[in-house]
N, C-alpha and C. Protein backbone atom coordinates (compact mmCIF):
# COMPACT_ATOMS: atom_id res chain seq x y z
N MET A 1 4.73 3.80 -14.96
CA MET A 1 5.19 3.38 -13.63
C MET A 1 6.19 4.36 -13.10
N GLU A 2 6.05 4.64 -11.84
CA GLU A 2 7.01 5.49 -11.16
C GLU A 2 8.24 4.68 -10.77
N ASN A 3 8.99 5.14 -9.80
CA ASN A 3 10.24 4.49 -9.43
C ASN A 3 10.11 3.41 -8.36
N ALA A 4 9.00 3.36 -7.66
CA ALA A 4 8.88 2.40 -6.56
C ALA A 4 7.41 2.12 -6.25
N ILE A 5 7.20 1.00 -5.55
CA ILE A 5 5.88 0.69 -5.02
C ILE A 5 6.02 0.36 -3.54
N ALA A 6 4.97 0.61 -2.79
CA ALA A 6 4.93 0.25 -1.38
C ALA A 6 3.69 -0.59 -1.15
N LEU A 7 3.85 -1.67 -0.41
CA LEU A 7 2.75 -2.57 -0.09
C LEU A 7 2.52 -2.56 1.42
N LEU A 8 1.27 -2.38 1.81
CA LEU A 8 0.90 -2.41 3.22
C LEU A 8 -0.21 -3.45 3.37
N GLU A 9 0.07 -4.50 4.12
CA GLU A 9 -0.92 -5.55 4.35
C GLU A 9 -1.32 -5.54 5.82
N VAL A 10 -2.62 -5.45 6.04
CA VAL A 10 -3.14 -5.32 7.40
C VAL A 10 -4.31 -6.25 7.62
N GLN A 11 -4.67 -6.42 8.88
CA GLN A 11 -5.86 -7.18 9.22
C GLN A 11 -7.00 -6.20 9.41
N ALA A 12 -8.05 -6.33 8.62
CA ALA A 12 -9.29 -5.57 8.69
C ALA A 12 -9.31 -4.37 7.75
N MET A 13 -10.48 -4.17 7.17
CA MET A 13 -10.68 -3.10 6.20
C MET A 13 -10.48 -1.71 6.83
N VAL A 14 -10.98 -1.50 8.02
CA VAL A 14 -10.83 -0.19 8.67
C VAL A 14 -9.35 0.14 8.87
N THR A 15 -8.57 -0.83 9.28
CA THR A 15 -7.13 -0.63 9.46
C THR A 15 -6.48 -0.24 8.13
N ALA A 16 -6.91 -0.88 7.04
CA ALA A 16 -6.38 -0.56 5.71
C ALA A 16 -6.73 0.87 5.30
N ILE A 17 -7.95 1.27 5.57
CA ILE A 17 -8.37 2.63 5.18
C ILE A 17 -7.61 3.68 5.99
N VAL A 18 -7.44 3.45 7.28
CA VAL A 18 -6.69 4.38 8.11
C VAL A 18 -5.24 4.47 7.64
N GLY A 19 -4.63 3.32 7.36
CA GLY A 19 -3.26 3.30 6.87
C GLY A 19 -3.12 3.98 5.52
N LEU A 20 -4.03 3.69 4.61
CA LEU A 20 -3.99 4.31 3.28
C LEU A 20 -4.20 5.81 3.36
N ASP A 21 -5.10 6.26 4.19
CA ASP A 21 -5.34 7.69 4.37
C ASP A 21 -4.05 8.39 4.80
N ALA A 22 -3.35 7.80 5.75
CA ALA A 22 -2.08 8.39 6.20
C ALA A 22 -1.04 8.37 5.09
N MET A 23 -1.02 7.31 4.29
CA MET A 23 -0.04 7.19 3.20
C MET A 23 -0.22 8.29 2.16
N VAL A 24 -1.45 8.47 1.69
CA VAL A 24 -1.66 9.45 0.62
C VAL A 24 -1.56 10.90 1.12
N LYS A 25 -1.75 11.10 2.42
CA LYS A 25 -1.58 12.44 2.98
C LYS A 25 -0.12 12.76 3.28
N ALA A 26 0.69 11.74 3.52
CA ALA A 26 2.08 11.94 3.92
C ALA A 26 3.01 12.25 2.76
N ALA A 27 2.68 11.78 1.57
CA ALA A 27 3.61 11.94 0.44
C ALA A 27 2.85 11.89 -0.87
N ASN A 28 3.54 12.25 -1.92
CA ASN A 28 2.96 12.26 -3.26
C ASN A 28 2.98 10.84 -3.84
N VAL A 29 1.98 10.04 -3.45
CA VAL A 29 1.86 8.67 -3.94
C VAL A 29 0.45 8.47 -4.49
N LYS A 30 0.31 7.44 -5.31
CA LYS A 30 -0.97 7.14 -5.93
C LYS A 30 -1.35 5.69 -5.63
N LEU A 31 -2.59 5.47 -5.22
CA LEU A 31 -3.09 4.13 -5.00
C LEU A 31 -3.23 3.42 -6.34
N ILE A 32 -2.64 2.21 -6.46
CA ILE A 32 -2.75 1.47 -7.71
C ILE A 32 -3.44 0.12 -7.57
N HIS A 33 -3.56 -0.38 -6.34
CA HIS A 33 -4.18 -1.70 -6.19
C HIS A 33 -4.66 -1.92 -4.76
N VAL A 34 -5.78 -2.61 -4.63
CA VAL A 34 -6.29 -3.06 -3.34
C VAL A 34 -6.65 -4.53 -3.48
N GLU A 35 -6.21 -5.33 -2.56
CA GLU A 35 -6.49 -6.77 -2.57
C GLU A 35 -7.15 -7.13 -1.25
N LYS A 36 -8.34 -7.74 -1.32
CA LYS A 36 -9.06 -8.15 -0.10
C LYS A 36 -9.15 -9.67 -0.08
N ARG A 37 -8.75 -10.24 1.03
CA ARG A 37 -8.82 -11.69 1.21
C ARG A 37 -9.56 -12.00 2.51
N LEU A 38 -10.04 -13.20 2.59
CA LEU A 38 -10.73 -13.68 3.79
C LEU A 38 -11.89 -12.77 4.17
N GLY A 39 -12.66 -12.34 3.18
CA GLY A 39 -13.81 -11.50 3.44
C GLY A 39 -13.47 -10.13 3.97
N GLY A 40 -12.30 -9.60 3.59
CA GLY A 40 -11.88 -8.29 4.05
C GLY A 40 -11.12 -8.31 5.35
N ARG A 41 -10.87 -9.49 5.88
CA ARG A 41 -10.11 -9.57 7.13
C ARG A 41 -8.61 -9.38 6.90
N LEU A 42 -8.15 -9.57 5.67
CA LEU A 42 -6.76 -9.32 5.30
C LEU A 42 -6.77 -8.46 4.05
N VAL A 43 -6.23 -7.26 4.15
CA VAL A 43 -6.29 -6.29 3.06
C VAL A 43 -4.89 -5.78 2.75
N THR A 44 -4.57 -5.74 1.46
CA THR A 44 -3.29 -5.19 1.00
C THR A 44 -3.57 -3.99 0.12
N VAL A 45 -2.90 -2.88 0.39
CA VAL A 45 -2.97 -1.71 -0.47
C VAL A 45 -1.59 -1.48 -1.06
N VAL A 46 -1.56 -1.03 -2.32
CA VAL A 46 -0.30 -0.79 -3.02
C VAL A 46 -0.34 0.62 -3.57
N VAL A 47 0.71 1.39 -3.29
CA VAL A 47 0.84 2.74 -3.83
C VAL A 47 2.13 2.84 -4.64
N GLU A 48 2.15 3.81 -5.55
CA GLU A 48 3.36 4.03 -6.34
C GLU A 48 3.77 5.49 -6.27
N GLY A 49 5.05 5.73 -6.52
CA GLY A 49 5.63 7.07 -6.52
C GLY A 49 7.13 6.93 -6.57
N ASN A 50 7.84 8.01 -6.27
CA ASN A 50 9.29 7.87 -6.24
C ASN A 50 9.70 7.21 -4.92
N VAL A 51 10.94 6.75 -4.86
CA VAL A 51 11.38 5.94 -3.73
C VAL A 51 11.20 6.67 -2.40
N SER A 52 11.60 7.92 -2.33
CA SER A 52 11.49 8.63 -1.05
C SER A 52 10.02 8.86 -0.67
N ALA A 53 9.17 9.10 -1.65
CA ALA A 53 7.75 9.32 -1.36
C ALA A 53 7.08 8.05 -0.85
N VAL A 54 7.32 6.91 -1.51
CA VAL A 54 6.67 5.68 -1.05
C VAL A 54 7.23 5.23 0.29
N THR A 55 8.50 5.50 0.54
CA THR A 55 9.09 5.16 1.84
C THR A 55 8.45 5.97 2.95
N ALA A 56 8.33 7.29 2.73
CA ALA A 56 7.69 8.15 3.72
C ALA A 56 6.22 7.78 3.90
N ALA A 57 5.54 7.50 2.81
CA ALA A 57 4.13 7.12 2.88
C ALA A 57 3.96 5.83 3.66
N LEU A 58 4.80 4.85 3.39
CA LEU A 58 4.67 3.57 4.08
C LEU A 58 4.93 3.71 5.58
N GLU A 59 5.93 4.50 5.94
CA GLU A 59 6.20 4.72 7.37
C GLU A 59 4.98 5.33 8.06
N ALA A 60 4.37 6.33 7.42
CA ALA A 60 3.18 6.96 7.99
C ALA A 60 2.01 5.99 8.04
N GLY A 61 1.86 5.19 6.99
CA GLY A 61 0.77 4.22 6.94
C GLY A 61 0.88 3.15 8.01
N VAL A 62 2.08 2.67 8.22
CA VAL A 62 2.31 1.65 9.25
C VAL A 62 1.98 2.20 10.63
N GLU A 63 2.46 3.40 10.92
CA GLU A 63 2.18 4.01 12.23
C GLU A 63 0.68 4.18 12.46
N ALA A 64 -0.01 4.72 11.46
CA ALA A 64 -1.45 4.94 11.60
C ALA A 64 -2.20 3.63 11.73
N ALA A 65 -1.83 2.64 10.93
CA ALA A 65 -2.52 1.35 10.96
C ALA A 65 -2.30 0.65 12.30
N LYS A 66 -1.09 0.72 12.83
CA LYS A 66 -0.81 0.09 14.12
C LYS A 66 -1.62 0.70 15.25
N ALA A 67 -2.02 1.95 15.10
CA ALA A 67 -2.80 2.62 16.14
C ALA A 67 -4.21 2.07 16.25
N VAL A 68 -4.71 1.45 15.16
CA VAL A 68 -6.09 0.95 15.18
C VAL A 68 -6.22 -0.55 14.94
N GLY A 69 -5.13 -1.21 14.55
CA GLY A 69 -5.23 -2.64 14.24
C GLY A 69 -3.87 -3.29 14.09
N ASN A 70 -3.84 -4.39 13.36
CA ASN A 70 -2.62 -5.17 13.19
C ASN A 70 -2.05 -5.03 11.79
N VAL A 71 -0.75 -4.81 11.70
CA VAL A 71 -0.05 -4.76 10.42
C VAL A 71 0.60 -6.12 10.21
N ALA A 72 0.26 -6.76 9.10
CA ALA A 72 0.82 -8.07 8.79
C ALA A 72 2.17 -7.94 8.09
N CYS A 73 2.29 -6.98 7.18
CA CYS A 73 3.52 -6.84 6.40
C CYS A 73 3.55 -5.46 5.76
N ALA A 74 4.75 -4.92 5.60
CA ALA A 74 4.94 -3.64 4.93
C ALA A 74 6.27 -3.69 4.19
N GLU A 75 6.26 -3.28 2.92
CA GLU A 75 7.48 -3.39 2.11
C GLU A 75 7.51 -2.35 1.00
N VAL A 76 8.71 -1.83 0.74
CA VAL A 76 8.96 -0.95 -0.40
C VAL A 76 9.77 -1.73 -1.42
N ILE A 77 9.36 -1.66 -2.67
CA ILE A 77 10.12 -2.28 -3.76
C ILE A 77 10.53 -1.17 -4.71
N ALA A 78 11.83 -0.87 -4.71
CA ALA A 78 12.36 0.15 -5.61
C ALA A 78 12.58 -0.46 -6.99
N ARG A 79 12.26 0.29 -8.01
CA ARG A 79 12.42 -0.13 -9.40
C ARG A 79 11.89 -1.54 -9.66
N PRO A 80 10.61 -1.76 -9.39
CA PRO A 80 10.06 -3.11 -9.59
C PRO A 80 10.12 -3.51 -11.07
N HIS A 81 10.30 -4.78 -11.31
CA HIS A 81 10.33 -5.31 -12.67
C HIS A 81 8.96 -5.10 -13.32
N ALA A 82 8.94 -4.94 -14.62
CA ALA A 82 7.68 -4.71 -15.34
C ALA A 82 6.66 -5.82 -15.11
N ASP A 83 7.12 -7.06 -14.94
CA ASP A 83 6.19 -8.16 -14.68
C ASP A 83 5.50 -8.03 -13.33
N ILE A 84 6.20 -7.47 -12.36
CA ILE A 84 5.59 -7.22 -11.05
C ILE A 84 4.48 -6.18 -11.19
N VAL A 85 4.76 -5.14 -11.92
CA VAL A 85 3.77 -4.08 -12.13
C VAL A 85 2.56 -4.64 -12.87
N ARG A 86 2.78 -5.45 -13.88
CA ARG A 86 1.68 -6.06 -14.63
C ARG A 86 0.85 -6.97 -13.72
N PHE A 87 1.49 -7.67 -12.82
CA PHE A 87 0.80 -8.55 -11.86
C PHE A 87 -0.09 -7.72 -10.92
N ILE A 88 0.42 -6.59 -10.47
CA ILE A 88 -0.31 -5.75 -9.51
C ILE A 88 -1.43 -4.97 -10.18
N LYS A 89 -1.15 -4.39 -11.34
CA LYS A 89 -2.13 -3.57 -12.03
C LYS A 89 -3.02 -4.46 -12.90
N THR A 90 -4.03 -5.02 -12.30
CA THR A 90 -4.97 -5.86 -13.03
C THR A 90 -6.00 -5.01 -13.72
N ASP A 91 -6.82 -5.62 -14.54
CA ASP A 91 -7.85 -4.87 -15.25
C ASP A 91 -9.03 -4.50 -14.36
N LYS A 92 -9.03 -4.92 -13.10
CA LYS A 92 -10.10 -4.58 -12.17
C LYS A 92 -10.08 -3.12 -11.79
N GLY A 93 -8.89 -2.51 -11.80
CA GLY A 93 -8.78 -1.12 -11.40
C GLY A 93 -8.86 -0.94 -9.91
N VAL A 94 -8.83 0.30 -9.49
CA VAL A 94 -8.89 0.61 -8.05
C VAL A 94 -10.21 1.25 -7.75
């Protein structure tokens, strides 16, 4: 685990992909989890990296996602507890 995680929750799969694309291009972060609910109408992507990288990535992701759809929530968690990481990193993989 790196030093931080960033979560971006949006409405619609296309919005999630656009946001994630901006996130991974903006900073040195790695996608660790994708959660789809309501048939893909609500999608959460989670990336990890150092605090400054995930913060920059999330800012870029939010801006890009807002340009094409709705952002439900965006959050950076610095130094997440090991139980949080275990909860996010399921055996399903990315």
